[in-house]
């Protein structure tokens, strides 16, 4: 039952559109419990300009899901030491601040002004850091702030979002609940 609930919640944040999902196997970054720091730059997604953010995310190996429209294939992005930030149902993985492996705790929150917004790090490029922390391989992932993985639109203030980032995390990575 617990796994069914996680699957149902996951399905609500994944886009339901004509673009196919890609089932990938191998190395990927899982940003589901990460916060995001604005870079001061912007990023354009489907003609809409968003604030760009960077999230530090653990790199895992296994099964994951990506947005075919964004990544094209499961092959890593161009460049050295790169991976995609993808989604999986993994529940035990390294998390900040210690980067020890802990159990993820999904929660809902409602977006507010300022750093009470959210970020989307699903199917965006990441660069793997050269040094492990507490045995965890980490990557810096760039993605849009307040952009929904469920269709790519702007996430307005007052939107309910699913995340595994801790309470108080700035711009937690998550998915808006339609």
C-alpha atoms as a PDB file:
ATOM      1  CA  UNK A   1       0.000   0.000   0.000  1.00  0.00           C
ATOM      2  CA  UNK A   2       2.830   2.420   0.907  1.00  0.00           C
ATOM      3  CA  UNK A   3       4.501   1.849  -2.491  1.00  0.00           C
ATOM      4  CA  UNK A   4       1.161   2.316  -4.258  1.00  0.00           C
ATOM      5  CA  UNK A   5       0.708   5.693  -2.533  1.00  0.00           C
ATOM      6  CA  UNK A   6       4.223   6.788  -3.569  1.00  0.00           C
ATOM      7  CA  UNK A   7       3.517   5.699  -7.149  1.00  0.00           C
ATOM      8  CA  UNK A   8       0.206   7.569  -7.201  1.00  0.00           C
ATOM      9  CA  UNK A   9       1.862  10.722  -5.856  1.00  0.00           C
ATOM     10  CA  UNK A  10       4.663  10.388  -8.396  1.00  0.00           C
ATOM     11  CA  UNK A  11       2.168  10.073 -11.230  1.00  0.00           C
ATOM     12  CA  UNK A  12       0.510  13.329 -10.212  1.00  0.00           C
ATOM     13  CA  UNK A  13       3.737  15.305 -10.663  1.00  0.00           C
ATOM     14  CA  UNK A  14       4.945  13.706 -13.880  1.00  0.00           C
ATOM     15  CA  UNK A  15       3.687  15.429 -17.016  1.00  0.00           C
ATOM     16  CA  UNK A  16       0.696  13.909 -18.727  1.00  0.00           C
ATOM     17  CA  UNK A  17       1.161  15.059 -22.302  1.00  0.00           C
ATOM     18  CA  UNK A  18       2.042  13.748 -25.738  1.00  0.00           C
ATOM     19  CA  UNK A  19       5.783  13.706 -25.012  1.00  0.00           C
ATOM     20  CA  UNK A  20       6.906  10.203 -24.068  1.00  0.00           C
ATOM     21  CA  UNK A  21       8.743   9.374 -20.903  1.00  0.00           C
ATOM     22  CA  UNK A  22      12.081   7.606 -21.170  1.00  0.00           C
ATOM     23  CA  UNK A  23      12.919   4.722 -18.870  1.00  0.00           C
ATOM     24  CA  UNK A  24      16.635   4.994 -18.252  1.00  0.00           C
ATOM     25  CA  UNK A  25      19.118   2.722 -16.536  1.00  0.00           C
ATOM     26  CA  UNK A  26      22.490   3.839 -15.221  1.00  0.00           C
ATOM     27  CA  UNK A  27      23.884   6.913 -13.510  1.00  0.00           C
ATOM     28  CA  UNK A  28      21.590   9.894 -12.770  1.00  0.00           C
ATOM     29  CA  UNK A  29      21.145  12.692 -10.226  1.00  0.00           C
ATOM     30  CA  UNK A  30      18.130  12.527  -7.908  1.00  0.00           C
ATOM     31  CA  UNK A  31      17.219  16.005  -6.703  1.00  0.00           C
ATOM     32  CA  UNK A  32      13.942  15.126  -4.933  1.00  0.00           C
ATOM     33  CA  UNK A  33      15.224  16.166  -1.466  1.00  0.00           C
ATOM     34  CA  UNK A  34      17.384  19.108  -2.561  1.00  0.00           C
ATOM     35  CA  UNK A  35      17.034  22.846  -2.120  1.00  0.00           C
ATOM     36  CA  UNK A  36      17.926  25.331  -4.844  1.00  0.00           C
ATOM     37  CA  UNK A  37      20.039  28.477  -4.894  1.00  0.00           C
ATOM     38  CA  UNK A  38      19.323  31.155  -7.526  1.00  0.00           C
ATOM     39  CA  UNK A  39      22.288  31.689  -9.870  1.00  0.00           C
ATOM     40  CA  UNK A  40      21.315  35.248 -10.823  1.00  0.00           C
ATOM     41  CA  UNK A  41      20.801  34.095 -14.414  1.00  0.00           C
ATOM     42  CA  UNK A  42      17.671  33.193 -16.348  1.00  0.00           C
ATOM     43  CA  UNK A  43      16.704  30.092 -18.279  1.00  0.00           C
ATOM     44  CA  UNK A  44      14.136  29.917 -21.095  1.00  0.00           C
ATOM     45  CA  UNK A  45      11.783  26.914 -21.158  1.00  0.00           C
ATOM     46  CA  UNK A  46       9.272  26.669 -24.016  1.00  0.00           C
ATOM     47  CA  UNK A  47       9.573  30.408 -24.666  1.00  0.00           C
ATOM     48  CA  UNK A  48       9.016  31.398 -21.023  1.00  0.00           C
ATOM     49  CA  UNK A  49      11.825  33.013 -19.016  1.00  0.00           C
ATOM     50  CA  UNK A  50      12.441  31.639 -15.524  1.00  0.00           C
ATOM     51  CA  UNK A  51      14.976  32.390 -12.832  1.00  0.00           C
ATOM     52  CA  UNK A  52      17.762  29.771 -13.005  1.00  0.00           C
ATOM     53  CA  UNK A  53      18.746  27.814  -9.910  1.00  0.00           C
ATOM     54  CA  UNK A  54      21.420  25.299  -8.961  1.00  0.00           C
ATOM     55  CA  UNK A  55      20.759  22.288  -6.746  1.00  0.00           C
ATOM     56  CA  UNK A  56      23.307  19.924  -5.254  1.00  0.00           C
ATOM     57  CA  UNK A  57      21.983  16.400  -5.818  1.00  0.00           C
ATOM     58  CA  UNK A  58      23.263  12.891  -5.105  1.00  0.00           C
ATOM     59  CA  UNK A  59      24.283  10.753  -8.069  1.00  0.00           C
ATOM     60  CA  UNK A  60      22.698   7.295  -8.021  1.00  0.00           C
ATOM     61  CA  UNK A  61      22.864   4.252 -10.263  1.00  0.00           C
ATOM     62  CA  UNK A  62      19.712   2.388 -11.251  1.00  0.00           C
ATOM     63  CA  UNK A  63      16.355   2.779 -12.960  1.00  0.00           C
ATOM     64  CA  UNK A  64      14.983   6.275 -13.545  1.00  0.00           C
ATOM     65  CA  UNK A  65      12.557   8.214 -15.720  1.00  0.00           C
ATOM     66  CA  UNK A  66      13.240  11.242 -17.915  1.00  0.00           C
ATOM     67  CA  UNK A  67      11.246  13.584 -20.143  1.00  0.00           C
ATOM     68  CA  UNK A  68      12.048  12.602 -23.744  1.00  0.00           C
ATOM     69  CA  UNK A  69      11.251  16.119 -24.997  1.00  0.00           C
ATOM     70  CA  UNK A  70      13.961  17.597 -22.772  1.00  0.00           C
ATOM     71  CA  UNK A  71      16.728  14.990 -22.774  1.00  0.00           C
ATOM     72  CA  UNK A  72      16.166  13.235 -26.115  1.00  0.00           C
ATOM     73  CA  UNK A  73      17.802  10.016 -24.917  1.00  0.00           C
ATOM     74  CA  UNK A  74      19.232   8.472 -21.763  1.00  0.00           C
ATOM     75  CA  UNK A  75      22.781   9.231 -22.938  1.00  0.00           C
ATOM     76  CA  UNK A  76      24.455  11.779 -20.618  1.00  0.00           C
ATOM     77  CA  UNK A  77      24.445  15.449 -21.641  1.00  0.00           C
ATOM     78  CA  UNK A  78      27.439  16.711 -23.620  1.00  0.00           C
ATOM     79  CA  UNK A  79      30.521  17.459 -21.574  1.00  0.00           C
ATOM     80  CA  UNK A  80      32.758  15.725 -19.089  1.00  0.00           C
ATOM     81  CA  UNK A  81      31.405  14.219 -15.868  1.00  0.00           C
ATOM     82  CA  UNK A  82      27.756  14.898 -16.708  1.00  0.00           C
ATOM     83  CA  UNK A  83      24.460  13.221 -15.861  1.00  0.00           C
ATOM     84  CA  UNK A  84      20.784  14.070 -16.194  1.00  0.00           C
ATOM     85  CA  UNK A  85      18.664  14.897 -13.171  1.00  0.00           C
ATOM     86  CA  UNK A  86      15.980  12.232 -13.437  1.00  0.00           C
ATOM     87  CA  UNK A  87      13.148  10.862 -11.305  1.00  0.00           C
ATOM     88  CA  UNK A  88      12.960   7.537  -9.524  1.00  0.00           C
ATOM     89  CA  UNK A  89      11.002   5.926  -6.724  1.00  0.00           C
ATOM     90  CA  UNK A  90      14.199   5.457  -4.691  1.00  0.00           C
ATOM     91  CA  UNK A  91      13.464   6.295  -1.053  1.00  0.00           C
ATOM     92  CA  UNK A  92      16.876   5.789   0.602  1.00  0.00           C
ATOM     93  CA  UNK A  93      19.670   7.982  -0.760  1.00  0.00           C
ATOM     94  CA  UNK A  94      22.241  10.586   0.352  1.00  0.00           C
ATOM     95  CA  UNK A  95      20.696  13.849   1.530  1.00  0.00           C
ATOM     96  CA  UNK A  96      22.019  17.206   2.732  1.00  0.00           C
ATOM     97  CA  UNK A  97      23.496  18.419   4.935  1.00  0.00           C
ATOM     98  CA  UNK A  98      25.593  15.355   5.875  1.00  0.00           C
ATOM     99  CA  UNK A  99      25.013  13.484   2.582  1.00  0.00           C
ATOM    100  CA  UNK A 100      24.531  10.294   4.587  1.00  0.00           C
ATOM    101  CA  UNK A 101      21.993   7.819   3.189  1.00  0.00           C
ATOM    102  CA  UNK A 102      18.645   8.468   4.875  1.00  0.00           C
ATOM    103  CA  UNK A 103      15.020   7.660   4.123  1.00  0.00           C
ATOM    104  CA  UNK A 104      13.221  10.324   2.083  1.00  0.00           C
ATOM    105  CA  UNK A 105      10.181  11.918   3.673  1.00  0.00           C
ATOM    106  CA  UNK A 106       7.766  13.188   1.022  1.00  0.00           C
ATOM    107  CA  UNK A 107       5.630  16.133   2.098  1.00  0.00           C
ATOM    108  CA  UNK A 108       3.298  18.698   0.623  1.00  0.00           C
ATOM    109  CA  UNK A 109       3.712  22.462   0.930  1.00  0.00           C
ATOM    110  CA  UNK A 110       2.089  25.539  -0.569  1.00  0.00           C
ATOM    111  CA  UNK A 111       4.298  27.998  -2.462  1.00  0.00           C
ATOM    112  CA  UNK A 112       4.709  31.535  -1.144  1.00  0.00           C
ATOM    113  CA  UNK A 113       6.520  34.688  -2.273  1.00  0.00           C
ATOM    114  CA  UNK A 114      10.332  34.817  -2.307  1.00  0.00           C
ATOM    115  CA  UNK A 115      12.261  31.662  -1.486  1.00  0.00           C
ATOM    116  CA  UNK A 116       8.990  29.920  -0.589  1.00  0.00           C
ATOM    117  CA  UNK A 117       8.686  28.955  -4.235  1.00  0.00           C
ATOM    118  CA  UNK A 118       9.853  25.659  -5.727  1.00  0.00           C
ATOM    119  CA  UNK A 119      12.247  24.490  -8.393  1.00  0.00           C
ATOM    120  CA  UNK A 120      12.103  21.910 -11.146  1.00  0.00           C
ATOM    121  CA  UNK A 121      15.216  19.788 -11.584  1.00  0.00           C
ATOM    122  CA  UNK A 122      13.619  16.978 -13.595  1.00  0.00           C
ATOM    123  CA  UNK A 123      15.409  16.201 -16.875  1.00  0.00           C
ATOM    124  CA  UNK A 124      18.011  18.947 -16.667  1.00  0.00           C
ATOM    125  CA  UNK A 125      21.813  18.690 -17.008  1.00  0.00           C
ATOM    126  CA  UNK A 126      24.146  18.203 -14.065  1.00  0.00           C
ATOM    127  CA  UNK A 127      27.918  18.261 -13.640  1.00  0.00           C
ATOM    128  CA  UNK A 128      29.389  15.713 -11.238  1.00  0.00           C
ATOM    129  CA  UNK A 129      31.611  17.188  -8.546  1.00  0.00           C
ATOM    130  CA  UNK A 130      35.163  15.782  -8.416  1.00  0.00           C
ATOM    131  CA  UNK A 131      35.127  15.103  -4.651  1.00  0.00           C
ATOM    132  CA  UNK A 132      32.753  12.858  -2.708  1.00  0.00           C
ATOM    133  CA  UNK A 133      31.240  13.969   0.585  1.00  0.00           C
ATOM    134  CA  UNK A 134      30.602  11.292   3.210  1.00  0.00           C
ATOM    135  CA  UNK A 135      30.974   8.704   0.446  1.00  0.00           C
ATOM    136  CA  UNK A 136      28.316  10.336  -1.741  1.00  0.00           C
ATOM    137  CA  UNK A 137      28.937  11.407  -5.319  1.00  0.00           C
ATOM    138  CA  UNK A 138      27.247  14.793  -5.848  1.00  0.00           C
ATOM    139  CA  UNK A 139      26.340  16.861  -8.872  1.00  0.00           C
ATOM    140  CA  UNK A 140      25.446  20.498  -9.473  1.00  0.00           C
ATOM    141  CA  UNK A 141      22.201  20.614 -11.452  1.00  0.00           C
ATOM    142  CA  UNK A 142      20.813  23.683 -13.213  1.00  0.00           C
ATOM    143  CA  UNK A 143      17.082  24.146 -13.715  1.00  0.00           C
ATOM    144  CA  UNK A 144      14.220  26.635 -13.562  1.00  0.00           C
ATOM    145  CA  UNK A 145      12.693  28.100 -10.404  1.00  0.00           C
ATOM    146  CA  UNK A 146       8.875  28.083 -10.229  1.00  0.00           C
ATOM    147  CA  UNK A 147       8.447  26.028 -13.418  1.00  0.00           C
ATOM    148  CA  UNK A 148       6.180  23.001 -13.261  1.00  0.00           C
ATOM    149  CA  UNK A 149       7.373  19.568 -14.388  1.00  0.00           C
ATOM    150  CA  UNK A 150       3.677  18.850 -15.062  1.00  0.00           C
ATOM    151  CA  UNK A 151       3.342  20.688 -18.370  1.00  0.00           C
ATOM    152  CA  UNK A 152       6.094  23.293 -18.080  1.00  0.00           C
ATOM    153  CA  UNK A 153       4.031  26.293 -16.993  1.00  0.00           C
ATOM    154  CA  UNK A 154       4.716  28.892 -14.337  1.00  0.00           C
ATOM    155  CA  UNK A 155       3.975  27.758 -10.767  1.00  0.00           C
ATOM    156  CA  UNK A 156       2.031  30.608  -9.150  1.00  0.00           C
ATOM    157  CA  UNK A 157       2.062  31.510  -5.458  1.00  0.00           C
ATOM    158  CA  UNK A 158      -0.438  29.314  -3.609  1.00  0.00           C
ATOM    159  CA  UNK A 159       0.320  26.103  -5.547  1.00  0.00           C
ATOM    160  CA  UNK A 160       0.534  22.795  -3.686  1.00  0.00           C
ATOM    161  CA  UNK A 161       3.866  21.048  -4.334  1.00  0.00           C
ATOM    162  CA  UNK A 162       5.197  17.582  -3.486  1.00  0.00           C
ATOM    163  CA  UNK A 163       8.838  17.451  -2.330  1.00  0.00           C
ATOM    164  CA  UNK A 164      11.159  15.399  -0.148  1.00  0.00           C
ATOM    165  CA  UNK A 165      13.268  18.445   0.767  1.00  0.00           C
ATOM    166  CA  UNK A 166      13.204  19.353   4.465  1.00  0.00           C
ATOM    167  CA  UNK A 167      10.934  22.054   5.855  1.00  0.00           C
ATOM    168  CA  UNK A 168      12.738  25.392   5.516  1.00  0.00           C
ATOM    169  CA  UNK A 169      14.666  24.448   2.356  1.00  0.00           C
ATOM    170  CA  UNK A 170      14.829  27.366  -0.067  1.00  0.00           C
ATOM    171  CA  UNK A 171      13.145  26.658  -3.400  1.00  0.00           C
ATOM    172  CA  UNK A 172      12.797  22.912  -2.716  1.00  0.00           C
ATOM    173  CA  UNK A 173      12.878  20.670  -5.762  1.00  0.00           C
ATOM    174  CA  UNK A 174       9.434  19.273  -6.336  1.00  0.00           C
ATOM    175  CA  UNK A 175       6.449  18.904  -8.558  1.00  0.00           C
ATOM    176  CA  UNK A 176       3.252  20.908  -8.539  1.00  0.00           C
ATOM    177  CA  UNK A 177       0.073  18.988  -7.885  1.00  0.00           C
ATOM    178  CA  UNK A 178      -2.346  19.729 -10.732  1.00  0.00           C
END
